[in-house]
Amino acid sequence: MKLHPKLLTIGTVAALGVAALANTSLADPGRWHGREGHDPIEHLSRALALTDAQKAQVKPILEAARPQLEAIHSDARTKAQAVIAGVQTKITAYLTPEQQEDLRAIKRIRERMQAGRGAGKDTAGPGHPHFRPGGPQHDPMGHLSRALGLTDAQKAQVKPIFDSAGPQLEAIRADAHARAKAIMADTHNKIVPLLTPEQRKSLEELKSRHAEPQGKAGA
């Protein structure tokens, strides 16, 4: 095996699912409810100038939403990984024994990295709800081709497998998006009555600012 050059593409196998999931609105709940190391109550308190009494009322609302959003992300990731596993199985049939071993080695490295991220409460990389698409993750087919040295004939055989997985991953993304959006709307509706008119205006402005990066990313 010649794995050293391929270490730069260890995300290849995961990239197919990551690219489809990365645009999910699960990134937005992260901004609203606090990223790792951030206190969502304090963030909202500073943005809206909440009183101590309001903080006490808002805190349980945000805390109730967090596990629901995390469960949606976990469910979506599990479903995407199942699709990716199916893609890997189908691809293997068109690979040489050496290429199959290379693919298994890349997969093992990726799994160790994911396990490490899990032990460290995740980083903002592939598979994390805050990960944003861009750069090499957008070309999983190209990465796989370079990592395994696919021939033109193999590329022609493998491409339809990648293409067929796209709609499945998009369906997973859309479902997660809709479910997260519903939870966010419910959270918003519970917080609004606790705010003054001025704070409500600030909250709407905050929502608009948080929505802008995602809109631009999808443009």
Protein backbone atom coordinates (compact mmCIF):
# COMPACT_ATOMS: atom_id res chain seq x y z
CA MET A 1 0.00 0.00 0.00
CA LYS A 2 1.05 3.58 -0.60
CA LEU A 3 -0.98 5.35 2.00
CA HIS A 4 1.14 8.37 2.81
CA PRO A 5 0.00 10.50 -0.18
CA LYS A 6 -3.55 9.44 0.56
CA LEU A 7 -3.52 10.82 4.09
CA LEU A 8 -4.49 14.16 2.58
CA THR A 9 -7.68 12.57 1.33
CA ILE A 10 -8.75 10.48 4.33
CA GLY A 11 -12.01 12.42 4.32
CA THR A 12 -12.84 11.16 0.84
CA VAL A 13 -15.17 8.38 1.87
CA ALA A 14 -17.01 10.63 4.33
CA ALA A 15 -17.13 13.59 1.95
CA LEU A 16 -20.08 12.22 0.00
CA GLY A 17 -22.32 12.40 3.04
CA VAL A 18 -20.76 15.49 4.55
CA ALA A 19 -21.29 17.60 1.44
CA ALA A 20 -24.99 16.84 1.41
CA LEU A 21 -25.47 17.31 5.14
CA ALA A 22 -23.30 20.35 5.63
CA ASN A 23 -25.94 22.83 4.49
CA THR A 24 -28.51 21.59 6.99
CA SER A 25 -30.05 24.19 9.27
CA LEU A 26 -28.57 22.29 12.20
CA ALA A 27 -25.82 24.87 12.03
CA ASP A 28 -28.33 27.56 12.94
CA PRO A 29 -29.46 25.95 16.22
CA GLY A 30 -25.78 25.77 17.10
CA ARG A 31 -25.48 29.51 16.74
CA TRP A 32 -28.68 30.10 18.70
CA HIS A 33 -28.08 27.61 21.48
CA GLY A 34 -24.36 27.89 21.92
CA ARG A 35 -21.36 26.15 20.42
CA GLU A 36 -18.97 24.09 22.45
CA GLY A 37 -17.42 26.30 25.11
CA HIS A 38 -20.08 29.03 24.78
CA ASP A 39 -22.96 29.82 27.13
CA PRO A 40 -26.13 30.34 25.05
CA ILE A 41 -27.91 32.07 27.91
CA GLU A 42 -25.13 34.63 28.29
CA HIS A 43 -24.94 35.12 24.52
CA LEU A 44 -28.66 35.83 24.31
CA SER A 45 -28.54 37.89 27.47
CA ARG A 46 -25.90 40.21 26.05
CA ALA A 47 -27.67 40.47 22.69
CA LEU A 48 -31.06 41.28 24.21
CA ALA A 49 -29.99 42.80 27.55
CA LEU A 50 -32.04 40.27 29.51
CA THR A 51 -32.76 40.87 33.15
CA ASP A 52 -31.89 38.21 35.73
CA ALA A 53 -35.58 37.29 35.92
CA GLN A 54 -35.74 36.87 32.13
CA LYS A 55 -32.59 34.73 32.13
CA ALA A 56 -34.21 32.40 34.64
CA GLN A 57 -37.26 32.09 32.36
CA VAL A 58 -35.34 31.66 29.09
CA LYS A 59 -32.73 29.19 30.32
CA PRO A 60 -35.02 26.13 30.64
CA ILE A 61 -36.48 26.84 27.20
CA LEU A 62 -33.05 26.77 25.56
CA GLU A 63 -31.95 23.78 27.61
CA ALA A 64 -35.02 21.84 26.51
CA ALA A 65 -34.32 22.53 22.83
CA ARG A 66 -30.65 21.55 22.85
CA PRO A 67 -31.03 17.74 23.26
CA GLN A 68 -33.77 17.70 20.64
CA LEU A 69 -31.51 19.44 18.12
CA GLU A 70 -28.57 17.21 18.98
CA ALA A 71 -30.77 14.14 18.50
CA ILE A 72 -31.82 15.37 15.05
CA HIS A 73 -28.21 15.87 14.02
CA SER A 74 -27.17 12.48 15.39
CA ASP A 75 -30.05 10.77 13.59
CA ALA A 76 -29.22 12.49 10.30
CA ARG A 77 -25.55 11.60 10.58
CA THR A 78 -26.36 7.95 11.33
CA LYS A 79 -28.65 7.74 8.31
CA ALA A 80 -26.06 9.41 6.06
CA GLN A 81 -23.35 7.03 7.27
CA ALA A 82 -25.59 4.10 6.33
CA VAL A 83 -25.93 5.49 2.81
CA ILE A 84 -22.17 6.01 2.61
CA ALA A 85 -21.55 2.46 3.80
CA GLY A 86 -23.78 1.21 0.99
CA VAL A 87 -21.81 3.27 -1.52
CA GLN A 88 -18.54 1.83 -0.24
CA THR A 89 -19.85 -1.72 -0.56
CA LYS A 90 -20.97 -1.16 -4.15
CA ILE A 91 -17.71 0.58 -5.09
CA THR A 92 -15.59 -2.25 -3.72
CA ALA A 93 -16.82 -4.61 -6.44
CA TYR A 94 -15.06 -2.50 -9.09
CA LEU A 95 -11.72 -2.16 -7.29
CA THR A 96 -8.57 -4.22 -7.51
CA PRO A 97 -7.44 -6.08 -4.35
CA GLU A 98 -4.84 -3.35 -3.66
CA GLN A 99 -7.41 -0.59 -4.11
CA GLN A 100 -9.82 -2.41 -1.82
CA GLU A 101 -7.16 -2.59 0.89
CA ASP A 102 -6.37 1.11 0.41
CA LEU A 103 -10.05 1.95 0.79
CA ARG A 104 -10.27 -0.12 3.98
CA ALA A 105 -7.17 1.60 5.36
CA ILE A 106 -8.58 5.05 4.61
CA LYS A 107 -11.83 4.03 6.27
CA ARG A 108 -9.99 2.84 9.40
CA ILE A 109 -8.10 6.12 9.66
CA ARG A 110 -11.31 8.10 9.23
CA GLU A 111 -13.07 6.06 11.93
CA ARG A 112 -10.19 6.65 14.37
CA MET A 113 -10.38 10.39 13.67
CA GLN A 114 -14.15 10.40 14.23
CA ALA A 115 -13.68 8.49 17.49
CA GLY A 116 -11.13 11.08 18.57
CA ARG A 117 -13.51 13.92 17.76
CA GLY A 118 -16.22 12.20 19.76
CA ALA A 119 -13.96 11.90 22.78
CA GLY A 120 -13.15 15.58 22.46
CA LYS A 121 -16.79 16.68 22.15
CA ASP A 122 -16.38 17.18 18.40
CA THR A 123 -14.63 19.86 16.44
CA ALA A 124 -16.08 21.98 13.68
CA GLY A 125 -14.98 19.53 11.00
CA PRO A 126 -16.78 16.98 8.79
CA GLY A 127 -19.72 15.47 10.58
CA HIS A 128 -20.02 18.37 13.01
CA PRO A 129 -23.22 20.48 12.84
CA HIS A 130 -21.22 23.69 12.36
CA PHE A 131 -19.20 22.34 9.45
CA ARG A 132 -19.74 24.34 6.29
CA PRO A 133 -19.22 22.96 2.78
CA GLY A 134 -16.47 24.31 0.62
CA GLY A 135 -13.20 23.39 -1.01
CA PRO A 136 -12.25 19.76 -1.62
CA GLN A 137 -15.28 18.25 0.14
CA HIS A 138 -17.35 19.22 -2.90
CA ASP A 139 -15.59 16.69 -5.15
CA PRO A 140 -15.73 13.27 -3.43
CA MET A 141 -15.52 11.48 -6.78
CA GLY A 142 -12.33 13.32 -7.69
CA HIS A 143 -10.80 12.61 -4.31
CA LEU A 144 -11.66 8.93 -4.49
CA SER A 145 -10.18 8.72 -7.97
CA ARG A 146 -6.91 10.30 -6.88
CA ALA A 147 -6.72 8.40 -3.57
CA LEU A 148 -7.21 4.98 -5.17
CA GLY A 149 -5.79 5.65 -8.62
CA LEU A 150 -9.00 4.77 -10.46
CA THR A 151 -8.81 4.06 -14.16
CA ASP A 152 -11.18 5.78 -16.59
CA ALA A 153 -13.19 2.56 -16.79
CA GLN A 154 -13.49 2.42 -13.00
CA LYS A 155 -14.53 6.06 -12.84
CA ALA A 156 -17.34 5.32 -15.29
CA GLN A 157 -18.49 2.40 -13.12
CA VAL A 158 -18.24 4.25 -9.82
CA LYS A 159 -19.79 7.58 -10.82
CA PRO A 160 -23.40 6.28 -11.10
CA ILE A 161 -23.07 4.88 -7.57
CA PHE A 162 -22.13 8.31 -6.23
CA ASP A 163 -24.85 9.97 -8.28
CA SER A 164 -27.56 7.62 -7.00
CA ALA A 165 -26.66 8.37 -3.39
CA GLY A 166 -27.14 12.11 -3.83
CA PRO A 167 -30.96 12.15 -3.67
CA GLN A 168 -30.93 9.92 -0.58
CA LEU A 169 -28.54 12.25 1.23
CA GLU A 170 -30.50 15.31 0.17
CA ALA A 171 -33.66 13.74 1.59
CA ILE A 172 -31.88 13.18 4.91
CA ARG A 173 -30.71 16.80 4.90
CA ALA A 174 -34.16 18.15 4.07
CA ASP A 175 -35.79 16.09 6.82
CA ALA A 176 -33.26 17.25 9.42
CA HIS A 177 -33.69 20.84 8.24
CA ALA A 178 -37.47 20.70 8.62
CA ARG A 179 -37.37 19.06 12.05
CA ALA A 180 -34.77 21.49 13.39
CA LYS A 181 -36.67 24.44 11.96
CA ALA A 182 -39.83 23.35 13.78
CA ILE A 183 -38.00 23.11 17.10
CA MET A 184 -36.41 26.51 16.56
CA ALA A 185 -39.78 28.05 15.77
CA ASP A 186 -41.28 26.56 18.92
CA THR A 187 -38.34 27.83 20.99
CA HIS A 188 -38.68 31.29 19.48
CA ASN A 189 -42.42 31.36 20.19
CA LYS A 190 -41.83 30.46 23.84
CA ILE A 191 -39.18 33.14 24.32
CA VAL A 192 -40.95 36.04 22.60
CA PRO A 193 -43.72 36.52 25.24
CA LEU A 194 -41.03 36.92 27.89
CA LEU A 195 -39.45 39.90 26.12
CA THR A 196 -40.17 43.60 25.97
CA PRO A 197 -41.13 45.12 22.58
CA GLU A 198 -37.59 46.44 22.15
CA GLN A 199 -36.07 43.06 22.98
CA ARG A 200 -38.40 41.37 20.51
CA LYS A 201 -37.16 43.70 17.80
CA SER A 202 -33.56 42.86 18.73
CA LEU A 203 -34.36 39.15 18.64
CA GLU A 204 -35.74 39.43 15.10
CA GLU A 205 -32.62 41.32 14.04
CA LEU A 206 -30.47 38.64 15.63
CA LYS A 207 -32.34 35.94 13.71
CA SER A 208 -31.86 37.81 10.46
CA ARG A 209 -28.12 38.18 11.00
CA HIS A 210 -27.75 34.50 11.79
CA ALA A 211 -29.70 33.54 8.67
CA GLU A 212 -27.52 35.59 6.30
CA PRO A 213 -24.39 33.36 6.19
CA GLN A 214 -26.45 30.29 5.33
CA GLY A 215 -28.26 32.14 2.56
CA LYS A 216 -24.99 33.33 1.10
CA ALA A 217 -23.50 29.87 1.37
CA GLY A 218 -26.34 28.45 -0.64
CA ALA A 219 -26.11 31.15 -3.31
